[in-house]
């Protein structure tokens, strides 16, 4: 097969996708964005500057709070050559520090990795920001 689909925890014998995802999301949330950037792939560094990436992480932290855990992996894929992979997962963030709206946030994370030598490195990073909750209008009642 040209492209193999993997669900659950299989990643064609390589490190589990959840481990790579947890490592990146945890470090990014813990204020270690510079480390994430330094350890990312050459392709990632060509696509975004460190300054822009760090601003993106700061905004994410303000909006979502601290990364808590990966709730579940919804999709993984790895190339036949086993040098390119992506992971889609539902992530949980804790917005408890936000006094305006403390809550648990569940959102989707999409990360791609590329193998450089023997090391998997971040190629793409996207955490979907959920739509803001809008209060419902009260019903107009009987006319």
C-alpha atoms as a PDB file:
ATOM      1  CA  UNK A   1       0.000   0.000   0.000  1.00  0.00           C
ATOM      2  CA  UNK A   2       1.211   3.506  -0.777  1.00  0.00           C
ATOM      3  CA  UNK A   3      -0.245   5.073   2.367  1.00  0.00           C
ATOM      4  CA  UNK A   4      -0.984   3.059   5.469  1.00  0.00           C
ATOM      5  CA  UNK A   5      -3.701   4.183   7.824  1.00  0.00           C
ATOM      6  CA  UNK A   6      -3.155   3.460  11.506  1.00  0.00           C
ATOM      7  CA  UNK A   7      -5.697   3.888  14.256  1.00  0.00           C
ATOM      8  CA  UNK A   8      -5.238   3.495  17.982  1.00  0.00           C
ATOM      9  CA  UNK A   9      -1.667   3.250  19.233  1.00  0.00           C
ATOM     10  CA  UNK A  10       0.130   1.587  16.295  1.00  0.00           C
ATOM     11  CA  UNK A  11       2.658   3.705  14.443  1.00  0.00           C
ATOM     12  CA  UNK A  12       4.430   1.138  12.296  1.00  0.00           C
ATOM     13  CA  UNK A  13       6.836   0.150  15.048  1.00  0.00           C
ATOM     14  CA  UNK A  14       8.040   3.701  15.685  1.00  0.00           C
ATOM     15  CA  UNK A  15       7.478   5.700  18.835  1.00  0.00           C
ATOM     16  CA  UNK A  16       3.776   6.080  19.606  1.00  0.00           C
ATOM     17  CA  UNK A  17       2.210   9.193  18.054  1.00  0.00           C
ATOM     18  CA  UNK A  18       0.711  10.094  21.405  1.00  0.00           C
ATOM     19  CA  UNK A  19       4.218  10.396  22.886  1.00  0.00           C
ATOM     20  CA  UNK A  20       5.350  12.886  20.241  1.00  0.00           C
ATOM     21  CA  UNK A  21       2.100  14.820  20.517  1.00  0.00           C
ATOM     22  CA  UNK A  22       2.167  14.919  24.331  1.00  0.00           C
ATOM     23  CA  UNK A  23       5.791  16.018  24.328  1.00  0.00           C
ATOM     24  CA  UNK A  24       5.180  18.925  21.948  1.00  0.00           C
ATOM     25  CA  UNK A  25       1.859  20.049  23.488  1.00  0.00           C
ATOM     26  CA  UNK A  26       3.185  19.753  27.043  1.00  0.00           C
ATOM     27  CA  UNK A  27       6.367  21.679  26.346  1.00  0.00           C
ATOM     28  CA  UNK A  28       4.503  24.349  24.395  1.00  0.00           C
ATOM     29  CA  UNK A  29       2.046  24.839  27.269  1.00  0.00           C
ATOM     30  CA  UNK A  30       4.816  24.849  29.886  1.00  0.00           C
ATOM     31  CA  UNK A  31       6.474  27.851  28.292  1.00  0.00           C
ATOM     32  CA  UNK A  32       9.133  25.795  26.512  1.00  0.00           C
ATOM     33  CA  UNK A  33       8.255  27.046  23.041  1.00  0.00           C
ATOM     34  CA  UNK A  34      11.897  27.851  22.314  1.00  0.00           C
ATOM     35  CA  UNK A  35      12.819  24.206  22.973  1.00  0.00           C
ATOM     36  CA  UNK A  36       9.968  22.975  20.750  1.00  0.00           C
ATOM     37  CA  UNK A  37      11.128  25.328  18.002  1.00  0.00           C
ATOM     38  CA  UNK A  38      14.794  24.358  18.378  1.00  0.00           C
ATOM     39  CA  UNK A  39      13.925  20.650  18.124  1.00  0.00           C
ATOM     40  CA  UNK A  40      11.530  21.090  15.180  1.00  0.00           C
ATOM     41  CA  UNK A  41      12.342  20.178  11.580  1.00  0.00           C
ATOM     42  CA  UNK A  42      14.096  22.388   9.061  1.00  0.00           C
ATOM     43  CA  UNK A  43      10.818  22.561   7.125  1.00  0.00           C
ATOM     44  CA  UNK A  44       8.963  23.875  10.183  1.00  0.00           C
ATOM     45  CA  UNK A  45      11.601  26.546  10.737  1.00  0.00           C
ATOM     46  CA  UNK A  46      11.328  27.611   7.076  1.00  0.00           C
ATOM     47  CA  UNK A  47       7.559  27.993   7.398  1.00  0.00           C
ATOM     48  CA  UNK A  48       7.417  30.054  10.607  1.00  0.00           C
ATOM     49  CA  UNK A  49       9.842  32.267  12.490  1.00  0.00           C
ATOM     50  CA  UNK A  50      10.591  31.540  16.128  1.00  0.00           C
ATOM     51  CA  UNK A  51       9.087  34.888  17.143  1.00  0.00           C
ATOM     52  CA  UNK A  52       5.824  34.176  15.314  1.00  0.00           C
ATOM     53  CA  UNK A  53       5.639  30.645  16.759  1.00  0.00           C
ATOM     54  CA  UNK A  54       6.158  31.931  20.311  1.00  0.00           C
ATOM     55  CA  UNK A  55       3.436  34.578  19.797  1.00  0.00           C
ATOM     56  CA  UNK A  56       1.098  31.847  18.539  1.00  0.00           C
ATOM     57  CA  UNK A  57       1.805  29.750  21.654  1.00  0.00           C
ATOM     58  CA  UNK A  58       1.237  32.731  23.961  1.00  0.00           C
ATOM     59  CA  UNK A  59      -2.131  33.425  22.331  1.00  0.00           C
ATOM     60  CA  UNK A  60      -3.039  29.751  22.562  1.00  0.00           C
ATOM     61  CA  UNK A  61      -2.161  29.742  26.279  1.00  0.00           C
ATOM     62  CA  UNK A  62      -4.313  32.834  26.913  1.00  0.00           C
ATOM     63  CA  UNK A  63      -7.286  31.351  25.066  1.00  0.00           C
ATOM     64  CA  UNK A  64      -7.055  27.680  26.065  1.00  0.00           C
ATOM     65  CA  UNK A  65      -5.070  27.607  29.293  1.00  0.00           C
ATOM     66  CA  UNK A  66      -2.695  24.819  30.291  1.00  0.00           C
ATOM     67  CA  UNK A  67      -2.454  21.591  28.332  1.00  0.00           C
ATOM     68  CA  UNK A  68      -3.830  18.739  30.451  1.00  0.00           C
ATOM     69  CA  UNK A  69      -3.802  15.589  28.325  1.00  0.00           C
ATOM     70  CA  UNK A  70      -4.552  13.855  25.063  1.00  0.00           C
ATOM     71  CA  UNK A  71      -8.094  12.518  25.411  1.00  0.00           C
ATOM     72  CA  UNK A  72      -7.820  10.281  22.371  1.00  0.00           C
ATOM     73  CA  UNK A  73      -6.135   9.915  19.029  1.00  0.00           C
ATOM     74  CA  UNK A  74      -8.638  10.217  16.189  1.00  0.00           C
ATOM     75  CA  UNK A  75      -6.281   9.549  13.273  1.00  0.00           C
ATOM     76  CA  UNK A  76      -2.657   8.701  12.572  1.00  0.00           C
ATOM     77  CA  UNK A  77      -0.912   8.240   9.267  1.00  0.00           C
ATOM     78  CA  UNK A  78       2.605   7.296   8.268  1.00  0.00           C
ATOM     79  CA  UNK A  79       4.171   7.232   4.829  1.00  0.00           C
ATOM     80  CA  UNK A  80       5.263   3.928   3.343  1.00  0.00           C
ATOM     81  CA  UNK A  81       8.859   5.112   3.650  1.00  0.00           C
ATOM     82  CA  UNK A  82       8.209   5.647   7.390  1.00  0.00           C
ATOM     83  CA  UNK A  83       9.707   9.125   7.329  1.00  0.00           C
ATOM     84  CA  UNK A  84       6.580  11.312   7.447  1.00  0.00           C
ATOM     85  CA  UNK A  85       3.623  11.005   9.811  1.00  0.00           C
ATOM     86  CA  UNK A  86       0.706  12.975  11.135  1.00  0.00           C
ATOM     87  CA  UNK A  87      -1.453  12.729  14.211  1.00  0.00           C
ATOM     88  CA  UNK A  88      -4.914  14.155  14.879  1.00  0.00           C
ATOM     89  CA  UNK A  89      -6.170  14.054  18.451  1.00  0.00           C
ATOM     90  CA  UNK A  90      -8.662  15.564  20.859  1.00  0.00           C
ATOM     91  CA  UNK A  91      -6.730  17.598  23.415  1.00  0.00           C
ATOM     92  CA  UNK A  92      -7.850  18.854  26.800  1.00  0.00           C
ATOM     93  CA  UNK A  93      -6.810  22.244  28.160  1.00  0.00           C
ATOM     94  CA  UNK A  94      -7.609  23.780  31.548  1.00  0.00           C
ATOM     95  CA  UNK A  95      -8.723  27.379  31.361  1.00  0.00           C
ATOM     96  CA  UNK A  96      -8.999  27.549  35.152  1.00  0.00           C
ATOM     97  CA  UNK A  97      -6.604  30.483  35.359  1.00  0.00           C
ATOM     98  CA  UNK A  98      -8.911  32.592  33.214  1.00  0.00           C
ATOM     99  CA  UNK A  99     -11.118  34.384  35.787  1.00  0.00           C
ATOM    100  CA  UNK A 100     -13.535  35.490  33.060  1.00  0.00           C
ATOM    101  CA  UNK A 101     -14.479  31.960  32.028  1.00  0.00           C
ATOM    102  CA  UNK A 102     -12.779  29.126  33.937  1.00  0.00           C
ATOM    103  CA  UNK A 103     -13.484  25.827  32.221  1.00  0.00           C
ATOM    104  CA  UNK A 104     -12.105  22.689  30.641  1.00  0.00           C
ATOM    105  CA  UNK A 105     -11.608  23.074  26.896  1.00  0.00           C
ATOM    106  CA  UNK A 106     -11.575  20.153  24.476  1.00  0.00           C
ATOM    107  CA  UNK A 107     -10.202  20.868  21.029  1.00  0.00           C
ATOM    108  CA  UNK A 108      -8.472  19.248  18.093  1.00  0.00           C
ATOM    109  CA  UNK A 109      -4.726  19.152  17.590  1.00  0.00           C
ATOM    110  CA  UNK A 110      -3.137  18.342  14.212  1.00  0.00           C
ATOM    111  CA  UNK A 111       0.587  17.736  14.176  1.00  0.00           C
ATOM    112  CA  UNK A 112       2.857  16.448  11.444  1.00  0.00           C
ATOM    113  CA  UNK A 113       6.283  14.959  11.984  1.00  0.00           C
ATOM    114  CA  UNK A 114       9.153  14.194   9.643  1.00  0.00           C
ATOM    115  CA  UNK A 115      12.052  11.906  10.327  1.00  0.00           C
ATOM    116  CA  UNK A 116      15.426  13.624  10.045  1.00  0.00           C
ATOM    117  CA  UNK A 117      18.072  10.948  10.459  1.00  0.00           C
ATOM    118  CA  UNK A 118      16.676   8.772  13.234  1.00  0.00           C
ATOM    119  CA  UNK A 119      14.747  11.536  15.023  1.00  0.00           C
ATOM    120  CA  UNK A 120      11.086  12.472  14.528  1.00  0.00           C
ATOM    121  CA  UNK A 121      10.825  16.261  14.326  1.00  0.00           C
ATOM    122  CA  UNK A 122       7.835  18.583  14.246  1.00  0.00           C
ATOM    123  CA  UNK A 123       6.842  19.644  10.723  1.00  0.00           C
ATOM    124  CA  UNK A 124       3.416  21.257  11.284  1.00  0.00           C
ATOM    125  CA  UNK A 125       1.607  22.378  14.422  1.00  0.00           C
ATOM    126  CA  UNK A 126      -2.041  23.347  14.623  1.00  0.00           C
ATOM    127  CA  UNK A 127      -4.335  23.478  17.625  1.00  0.00           C
ATOM    128  CA  UNK A 128      -7.843  24.468  16.617  1.00  0.00           C
ATOM    129  CA  UNK A 129      -9.230  27.239  18.765  1.00  0.00           C
ATOM    130  CA  UNK A 130     -12.852  26.455  19.650  1.00  0.00           C
ATOM    131  CA  UNK A 131     -15.561  28.940  18.810  1.00  0.00           C
ATOM    132  CA  UNK A 132     -16.354  31.211  21.755  1.00  0.00           C
ATOM    133  CA  UNK A 133     -19.443  30.263  23.693  1.00  0.00           C
ATOM    134  CA  UNK A 134     -22.236  32.727  23.031  1.00  0.00           C
ATOM    135  CA  UNK A 135     -25.013  32.978  25.591  1.00  0.00           C
ATOM    136  CA  UNK A 136     -28.397  31.945  24.255  1.00  0.00           C
ATOM    137  CA  UNK A 137     -31.024  34.591  23.892  1.00  0.00           C
ATOM    138  CA  UNK A 138     -33.955  34.122  26.156  1.00  0.00           C
ATOM    139  CA  UNK A 139     -37.049  33.002  24.288  1.00  0.00           C
ATOM    140  CA  UNK A 140     -39.545  35.815  23.753  1.00  0.00           C
ATOM    141  CA  UNK A 141     -42.290  33.924  25.578  1.00  0.00           C
ATOM    142  CA  UNK A 142     -45.960  33.913  24.597  1.00  0.00           C
ATOM    143  CA  UNK A 143     -47.128  36.693  22.328  1.00  0.00           C
END
